[in-house]
Every structure is written in C-alpha cells, then in structure tokens.
Amino acid sequence: DDRRKRGDPSAPRFVAAACICPGYNLETCFQKFAWPFTRICLASVKDTFLMKNEAILRKHDAETFKRAMAAPDLQSLLALAAPFAGYPSAE
C-alpha cells in the first residue's frame, strides 16, 4: 500500500498477497469481450470484489465505491478502483 510507504500508520499492513495475471494487456483484453460476456464479467467482478467487501470499501472511500459500482465496463472499473489498491489513480 502506497500510503504505508509514505508513513500513514492507518494504512493496512499486508502479510501476504497473491496476483494472478497472465501478462495480457488488460485494456486490449477488456475491450474485446463480446456480448454477453462483457456484462457477465462486469457483474461477476463487481459482485466478487466490490459487493463482498462493501463495508470495508465504503469505509475506506465511499465515493470511489459508488463510482466503481456505476462503472459501465471492466476497463472503467479497473481505472476507478485504483484507490482501493492504495494508489491515487490507475496511471
């Protein structure tokens, strides 16, 4: 978490993390999903990562949670959710 590196003691301290990524360019990948997979994947990601952690995410940043839940596609969701990973933006 970038906040902890800057000395914020309220930032979470992680003991372990896992990242599963095949190394694809996610922007290109997300844009090429065809109907109905775009909506199915978006709903699944929102349910799995946002709704199941709603209380924690809202407490951390309610406005980011609201914007992420309103994301119209996976690419937008990825960009909007960056603050939940401890970064100010996806840039």
C-alpha atoms as a PDB file:
ATOM      1  CA  ASP A   1       0.000   0.000   0.000  1.00  0.00           C
ATOM      2  CA  ASP A   2       1.471   3.289  -1.141  1.00  0.00           C
ATOM      3  CA  ARG A   3       0.075   5.100   1.918  1.00  0.00           C
ATOM      4  CA  ARG A   4       2.102   2.961   4.332  1.00  0.00           C
ATOM      5  CA  LYS A   5       5.291   3.744   2.384  1.00  0.00           C
ATOM      6  CA  ARG A   6       4.537   7.452   2.929  1.00  0.00           C
ATOM      7  CA  GLY A   7       4.272   6.880   6.686  1.00  0.00           C
ATOM      8  CA  ASP A   8       0.497   6.633   7.147  1.00  0.00           C
ATOM      9  CA  PRO A   9       0.103   4.267  10.148  1.00  0.00           C
ATOM     10  CA  SER A  10      -3.642   3.852   9.411  1.00  0.00           C
ATOM     11  CA  ALA A  11      -2.894   2.133   6.088  1.00  0.00           C
ATOM     12  CA  PRO A  12      -3.335  -1.640   6.158  1.00  0.00           C
ATOM     13  CA  ARG A  13      -0.286  -3.774   6.764  1.00  0.00           C
ATOM     14  CA  PHE A  14      -0.326  -6.751   4.427  1.00  0.00           C
ATOM     15  CA  VAL A  15       1.111 -10.081   5.476  1.00  0.00           C
ATOM     16  CA  ALA A  16       0.695 -11.709   2.090  1.00  0.00           C
ATOM     17  CA  ALA A  17      -0.801 -11.063  -1.316  1.00  0.00           C
ATOM     18  CA  ALA A  18      -1.393 -13.003  -4.476  1.00  0.00           C
ATOM     19  CA  CYS A  19      -1.794 -11.777  -8.000  1.00  0.00           C
ATOM     20  CA  ILE A  20      -2.969 -13.937 -10.828  1.00  0.00           C
ATOM     21  CA  CYS A  21      -2.289 -12.298 -14.152  1.00  0.00           C
ATOM     22  CA  PRO A  22      -1.358 -13.975 -17.397  1.00  0.00           C
ATOM     23  CA  GLY A  23       0.509 -10.867 -18.569  1.00  0.00           C
ATOM     24  CA  TYR A  24      -2.094  -9.679 -21.049  1.00  0.00           C
ATOM     25  CA  ASN A  25      -2.646  -6.034 -21.839  1.00  0.00           C
ATOM     26  CA  LEU A  26      -5.875  -5.695 -19.853  1.00  0.00           C
ATOM     27  CA  GLU A  27      -7.049  -2.639 -21.784  1.00  0.00           C
ATOM     28  CA  THR A  28      -6.946  -4.576 -25.045  1.00  0.00           C
ATOM     29  CA  CYS A  29      -8.378  -7.713 -23.460  1.00  0.00           C
ATOM     30  CA  PHE A  30     -11.320  -5.963 -21.780  1.00  0.00           C
ATOM     31  CA  GLN A  31     -12.284  -4.138 -24.976  1.00  0.00           C
ATOM     32  CA  LYS A  32     -12.501  -7.350 -26.983  1.00  0.00           C
ATOM     33  CA  PHE A  33     -15.040  -9.195 -24.841  1.00  0.00           C
ATOM     34  CA  ALA A  34     -18.183  -9.810 -26.879  1.00  0.00           C
ATOM     35  CA  TRP A  35     -21.796  -9.777 -25.749  1.00  0.00           C
ATOM     36  CA  PRO A  36     -22.910 -11.299 -23.382  1.00  0.00           C
ATOM     37  CA  PHE A  37     -19.510 -11.745 -21.739  1.00  0.00           C
ATOM     38  CA  THR A  38     -18.943  -8.022 -21.169  1.00  0.00           C
ATOM     39  CA  ARG A  39     -21.957  -7.779 -18.861  1.00  0.00           C
ATOM     40  CA  ILE A  40     -21.403 -11.192 -17.277  1.00  0.00           C
ATOM     41  CA  CYS A  41     -17.772 -10.440 -16.410  1.00  0.00           C
ATOM     42  CA  LEU A  42     -18.551  -6.933 -15.171  1.00  0.00           C
ATOM     43  CA  ALA A  43     -21.324  -8.202 -12.895  1.00  0.00           C
ATOM     44  CA  SER A  44     -19.106 -11.013 -11.611  1.00  0.00           C
ATOM     45  CA  VAL A  45     -16.197  -8.682 -10.830  1.00  0.00           C
ATOM     46  CA  LYS A  46     -18.457  -6.182  -9.071  1.00  0.00           C
ATOM     47  CA  ASP A  47     -20.057  -8.944  -7.007  1.00  0.00           C
ATOM     48  CA  THR A  48     -16.814 -10.759  -6.157  1.00  0.00           C
ATOM     49  CA  PHE A  49     -14.575  -7.810  -5.394  1.00  0.00           C
ATOM     50  CA  LEU A  50     -16.854  -4.888  -4.563  1.00  0.00           C
ATOM     51  CA  MET A  51     -20.087  -6.186  -3.064  1.00  0.00           C
ATOM     52  CA  LYS A  52     -18.445  -8.861  -0.909  1.00  0.00           C
ATOM     53  CA  ASN A  53     -16.189  -6.162   0.566  1.00  0.00           C
ATOM     54  CA  GLU A  54     -18.716  -3.328   0.524  1.00  0.00           C
ATOM     55  CA  ALA A  55     -18.497  -2.325   4.192  1.00  0.00           C
ATOM     56  CA  ILE A  56     -14.709  -2.111   4.163  1.00  0.00           C
ATOM     57  CA  LEU A  57     -14.519  -0.340   0.800  1.00  0.00           C
ATOM     58  CA  ARG A  58     -17.230   2.191   1.683  1.00  0.00           C
ATOM     59  CA  LYS A  59     -15.489   2.951   4.973  1.00  0.00           C
ATOM     60  CA  HIS A  60     -12.217   3.500   3.115  1.00  0.00           C
ATOM     61  CA  ASP A  61     -13.655   5.633   0.288  1.00  0.00           C
ATOM     62  CA  ALA A  62     -17.420   5.778  -0.194  1.00  0.00           C
ATOM     63  CA  GLU A  63     -17.247   7.956  -3.317  1.00  0.00           C
ATOM     64  CA  THR A  64     -14.807   5.604  -5.073  1.00  0.00           C
ATOM     65  CA  PHE A  65     -17.062   2.671  -4.192  1.00  0.00           C
ATOM     66  CA  LYS A  66     -20.061   4.471  -5.671  1.00  0.00           C
ATOM     67  CA  ARG A  67     -18.189   5.330  -8.890  1.00  0.00           C
ATOM     68  CA  ALA A  68     -16.776   1.802  -9.212  1.00  0.00           C
ATOM     69  CA  MET A  69     -20.228   0.254  -8.805  1.00  0.00           C
ATOM     70  CA  ALA A  70     -21.510   2.558 -11.568  1.00  0.00           C
ATOM     71  CA  ALA A  71     -18.682   1.644 -13.965  1.00  0.00           C
ATOM     72  CA  PRO A  72     -20.173   0.740 -17.350  1.00  0.00           C
ATOM     73  CA  ASP A  73     -17.367  -1.624 -18.356  1.00  0.00           C
ATOM     74  CA  LEU A  74     -14.370  -3.525 -16.999  1.00  0.00           C
ATOM     75  CA  GLN A  75     -11.787  -1.007 -18.188  1.00  0.00           C
ATOM     76  CA  SER A  76     -13.562   1.826 -16.384  1.00  0.00           C
ATOM     77  CA  LEU A  77     -13.917  -0.301 -13.258  1.00  0.00           C
ATOM     78  CA  LEU A  78     -10.197  -1.099 -13.278  1.00  0.00           C
ATOM     79  CA  ALA A  79      -9.313   2.606 -13.501  1.00  0.00           C
ATOM     80  CA  LEU A  80     -11.859   3.708 -10.903  1.00  0.00           C
ATOM     81  CA  ALA A  81     -10.854   1.079  -8.333  1.00  0.00           C
ATOM     82  CA  ALA A  82      -7.166   2.114  -8.162  1.00  0.00           C
ATOM     83  CA  PRO A  83      -7.627   3.913  -4.800  1.00  0.00           C
ATOM     84  CA  PHE A  84      -8.670   0.597  -3.255  1.00  0.00           C
ATOM     85  CA  ALA A  85      -5.198  -0.720  -4.064  1.00  0.00           C
ATOM     86  CA  GLY A  86      -3.576   2.250  -2.323  1.00  0.00           C
ATOM     87  CA  TYR A  87      -2.864   4.325  -5.430  1.00  0.00           C
ATOM     88  CA  PRO A  88      -4.325   7.729  -6.320  1.00  0.00           C
ATOM     89  CA  SER A  89      -5.052   6.635  -9.901  1.00  0.00           C
ATOM     90  CA  ALA A  90      -4.505   3.803 -12.375  1.00  0.00           C
ATOM     91  CA  GLU A  91      -1.858   5.857 -14.207  1.00  0.00           C
END
